[in-house]
Amino acid sequence: MLPPVPPIAVSRPLLFGLVAVGAIVAVATAQPTSSFAAGFAAGAGSAFVVSFMKTPRHDRGSDGDRPAGDGA
């Protein structure tokens, strides 16, 4: 039995770019290519959403490196 393949880490900006390119191609091209690009954008968009659900974002206001107050 083969071992499971680990997931590939993909950056969120790359996924966002794939969604944007797919959406633009879906609007700008004829029917066969348009349908493929729309499905491609939907798939990349769902991977984008799942990546946000899997890894929670850190609260940017609670950095331990920042000094409290205005520094005075």
N, C-alpha and C. Protein backbone atom coordinates (compact mmCIF):
# COMPACT_ATOMS: atom_id res chain seq x y z
N MET A 1 0.85 -1.18 0.00
CA MET A 1 0.00 0.00 0.00
C MET A 1 0.89 1.24 0.00
N LEU A 2 0.54 2.21 -0.82
CA LEU A 2 1.34 3.42 -0.94
C LEU A 2 1.02 4.39 0.20
N PRO A 3 2.03 5.13 0.69
CA PRO A 3 1.77 6.12 1.73
C PRO A 3 1.00 7.31 1.14
N PRO A 4 0.21 8.00 1.97
CA PRO A 4 -0.55 9.14 1.45
C PRO A 4 0.39 10.28 1.03
N VAL A 5 -0.01 10.98 0.01
CA VAL A 5 0.78 12.10 -0.50
C VAL A 5 0.49 13.33 0.36
N PRO A 6 1.53 14.00 0.87
CA PRO A 6 1.28 15.19 1.69
C PRO A 6 0.73 16.33 0.83
N PRO A 7 -0.07 17.21 1.41
CA PRO A 7 -0.62 18.32 0.63
C PRO A 7 0.48 19.31 0.24
N ILE A 8 0.28 19.96 -0.88
CA ILE A 8 1.24 20.95 -1.37
C ILE A 8 0.83 22.31 -0.84
N ALA A 9 1.77 23.00 -0.23
CA ALA A 9 1.49 24.35 0.27
C ALA A 9 1.50 25.32 -0.91
N VAL A 10 0.41 26.06 -1.06
CA VAL A 10 0.30 27.06 -2.12
C VAL A 10 -0.01 28.39 -1.46
N SER A 11 0.65 29.43 -1.93
CA SER A 11 0.45 30.73 -1.31
C SER A 11 -0.91 31.31 -1.66
N ARG A 12 -1.45 32.06 -0.73
CA ARG A 12 -2.76 32.68 -0.96
C ARG A 12 -2.73 33.71 -2.07
N PRO A 13 -1.67 34.52 -2.21
CA PRO A 13 -1.65 35.44 -3.36
C PRO A 13 -1.69 34.72 -4.70
N LEU A 14 -1.04 33.55 -4.79
CA LEU A 14 -1.09 32.78 -6.03
C LEU A 14 -2.51 32.31 -6.31
N LEU A 15 -3.19 31.80 -5.29
CA LEU A 15 -4.58 31.37 -5.48
C LEU A 15 -5.47 32.54 -5.87
N PHE A 16 -5.26 33.69 -5.25
CA PHE A 16 -6.06 34.87 -5.59
C PHE A 16 -5.80 35.29 -7.03
N GLY A 17 -4.55 35.20 -7.47
CA GLY A 17 -4.22 35.52 -8.86
C GLY A 17 -4.88 34.56 -9.83
N LEU A 18 -4.91 33.27 -9.48
CA LEU A 18 -5.58 32.29 -10.35
C LEU A 18 -7.08 32.56 -10.45
N VAL A 19 -7.68 32.97 -9.34
CA VAL A 19 -9.11 33.32 -9.38
C VAL A 19 -9.32 34.52 -10.30
N ALA A 20 -8.48 35.54 -10.16
CA ALA A 20 -8.63 36.75 -10.98
C ALA A 20 -8.43 36.45 -12.46
N VAL A 21 -7.39 35.70 -12.80
CA VAL A 21 -7.14 35.37 -14.21
C VAL A 21 -8.28 34.53 -14.78
N GLY A 22 -8.75 33.56 -14.01
CA GLY A 22 -9.86 32.73 -14.47
C GLY A 22 -11.12 33.54 -14.70
N ALA A 23 -11.40 34.49 -13.81
CA ALA A 23 -12.60 35.32 -13.97
C ALA A 23 -12.48 36.22 -15.20
N ILE A 24 -11.31 36.79 -15.42
CA ILE A 24 -11.13 37.68 -16.58
C ILE A 24 -11.24 36.89 -17.88
N VAL A 25 -10.63 35.72 -17.93
CA VAL A 25 -10.71 34.89 -19.14
C VAL A 25 -12.14 34.42 -19.37
N ALA A 26 -12.87 34.12 -18.28
CA ALA A 26 -14.26 33.68 -18.42
C ALA A 26 -15.13 34.77 -19.03
N VAL A 27 -14.84 36.02 -18.71
CA VAL A 27 -15.64 37.12 -19.25
C VAL A 27 -15.21 37.49 -20.67
N ALA A 28 -13.91 37.38 -20.95
CA ALA A 28 -13.38 37.91 -22.21
C ALA A 28 -13.37 36.93 -23.38
N THR A 29 -13.61 35.65 -23.16
CA THR A 29 -13.47 34.68 -24.25
C THR A 29 -14.82 34.07 -24.64
N ALA A 30 -14.77 33.28 -25.72
CA ALA A 30 -15.97 32.61 -26.22
C ALA A 30 -16.35 31.43 -25.33
N GLN A 31 -17.45 30.79 -25.65
CA GLN A 31 -18.08 29.79 -24.79
C GLN A 31 -17.22 28.62 -24.33
N PRO A 32 -16.56 27.84 -25.15
CA PRO A 32 -15.85 26.68 -24.59
C PRO A 32 -14.75 27.09 -23.60
N THR A 33 -13.96 28.07 -23.98
CA THR A 33 -12.89 28.53 -23.09
C THR A 33 -13.47 29.25 -21.87
N SER A 34 -14.55 29.97 -22.07
CA SER A 34 -15.18 30.70 -20.98
C SER A 34 -15.67 29.75 -19.89
N SER A 35 -16.27 28.65 -20.28
CA SER A 35 -16.76 27.68 -19.30
C SER A 35 -15.62 27.04 -18.52
N PHE A 36 -14.54 26.71 -19.22
CA PHE A 36 -13.39 26.13 -18.54
C PHE A 36 -12.78 27.13 -17.56
N ALA A 37 -12.62 28.38 -17.97
CA ALA A 37 -12.03 29.40 -17.11
C ALA A 37 -12.90 29.68 -15.90
N ALA A 38 -14.22 29.64 -16.07
CA ALA A 38 -15.12 29.86 -14.94
C ALA A 38 -14.98 28.72 -13.92
N GLY A 39 -14.89 27.49 -14.40
CA GLY A 39 -14.69 26.36 -13.50
C GLY A 39 -13.33 26.41 -12.82
N PHE A 40 -12.32 26.84 -13.56
CA PHE A 40 -10.98 26.99 -13.00
C PHE A 40 -10.98 28.04 -11.89
N ALA A 41 -11.63 29.17 -12.12
CA ALA A 41 -11.71 30.23 -11.11
C ALA A 41 -12.48 29.76 -9.89
N ALA A 42 -13.55 28.99 -10.10
CA ALA A 42 -14.32 28.47 -8.97
C ALA A 42 -13.49 27.48 -8.15
N GLY A 43 -12.72 26.63 -8.81
CA GLY A 43 -11.87 25.68 -8.09
C GLY A 43 -10.77 26.38 -7.31
N ALA A 44 -10.12 27.36 -7.93
CA ALA A 44 -9.07 28.10 -7.22
C ALA A 44 -9.67 28.92 -6.09
N GLY A 45 -10.87 29.44 -6.29
CA GLY A 45 -11.54 30.21 -5.23
C GLY A 45 -11.89 29.34 -4.05
N SER A 46 -12.34 28.12 -4.31
CA SER A 46 -12.67 27.23 -3.19
C SER A 46 -11.40 26.82 -2.44
N ALA A 47 -10.29 26.61 -3.13
CA ALA A 47 -9.02 26.32 -2.46
C ALA A 47 -8.56 27.53 -1.64
N PHE A 48 -8.82 28.73 -2.13
CA PHE A 48 -8.49 29.95 -1.41
C PHE A 48 -9.28 30.04 -0.11
N VAL A 49 -10.56 29.75 -0.17
CA VAL A 49 -11.41 29.79 1.03
C VAL A 49 -11.01 28.70 2.02
N VAL A 50 -10.72 27.51 1.53
CA VAL A 50 -10.31 26.42 2.42
C VAL A 50 -8.98 26.75 3.09
N SER A 51 -8.07 27.44 2.40
CA SER A 51 -6.80 27.80 3.01
C SER A 51 -7.01 28.77 4.17
N PHE A 52 -7.98 29.66 4.05
CA PHE A 52 -8.29 30.57 5.16
C PHE A 52 -8.95 29.84 6.32
N MET A 53 -9.75 28.83 6.02
CA MET A 53 -10.42 28.09 7.08
C MET A 53 -9.44 27.18 7.83
N LYS A 54 -8.45 26.63 7.13
CA LYS A 54 -7.49 25.70 7.74
C LYS A 54 -6.49 26.41 8.64
N THR A 55 -6.01 27.58 8.23
CA THR A 55 -5.00 28.30 9.01
C THR A 55 -5.59 29.63 9.47
N PRO A 56 -5.87 29.76 10.77
CA PRO A 56 -6.47 31.00 11.26
C PRO A 56 -5.49 32.16 11.16
N ARG A 57 -6.02 33.33 10.93
CA ARG A 57 -5.21 34.53 10.85
C ARG A 57 -4.94 35.04 12.25
N HIS A 58 -3.76 35.56 12.47
CA HIS A 58 -3.40 36.12 13.76
C HIS A 58 -3.92 37.54 13.86
N ASP A 59 -4.29 37.93 15.06
CA ASP A 59 -4.76 39.30 15.29
C ASP A 59 -3.56 40.24 15.15
N ARG A 60 -3.64 41.14 14.21
CA ARG A 60 -2.51 42.03 13.94
C ARG A 60 -2.31 43.06 15.04
N GLY A 61 -3.32 43.33 15.83
CA GLY A 61 -3.20 44.32 16.88
C GLY A 61 -2.56 43.78 18.14
N SER A 62 -2.35 42.48 18.24
CA SER A 62 -1.82 41.90 19.48
C SER A 62 -0.39 41.38 19.31
N ASP A 63 0.42 42.08 18.52
CA ASP A 63 1.82 41.69 18.36
C ASP A 63 2.58 41.94 19.66
N GLY A 64 3.38 41.00 20.08
CA GLY A 64 4.17 41.17 21.29
C GLY A 64 5.37 42.07 21.07
N ASP A 65 5.74 42.32 19.81
CA ASP A 65 6.91 43.14 19.50
C ASP A 65 6.63 44.63 19.60
N ARG A 66 5.40 45.01 19.50
CA ARG A 66 5.06 46.42 19.51
C ARG A 66 5.04 46.97 20.92
N PRO A 67 5.57 48.16 21.12
CA PRO A 67 5.48 48.76 22.45
C PRO A 67 4.07 49.26 22.73
N ALA A 68 3.69 49.25 24.01
CA ALA A 68 2.36 49.72 24.39
C ALA A 68 2.34 51.24 24.36
N GLY A 69 1.22 51.79 23.98
CA GLY A 69 1.06 53.25 23.96
C GLY A 69 1.72 53.87 22.75
N ASP A 70 2.05 55.18 22.89
CA ASP A 70 2.65 55.88 21.76
C ASP A 70 4.16 55.92 21.84
N GLY A 71 4.77 55.21 22.75
CA GLY A 71 6.21 55.13 22.81
C GLY A 71 6.85 56.20 23.67
N ALA A 72 6.05 57.07 24.27
CA ALA A 72 6.61 58.16 25.08
C ALA A 72 6.75 57.76 26.53
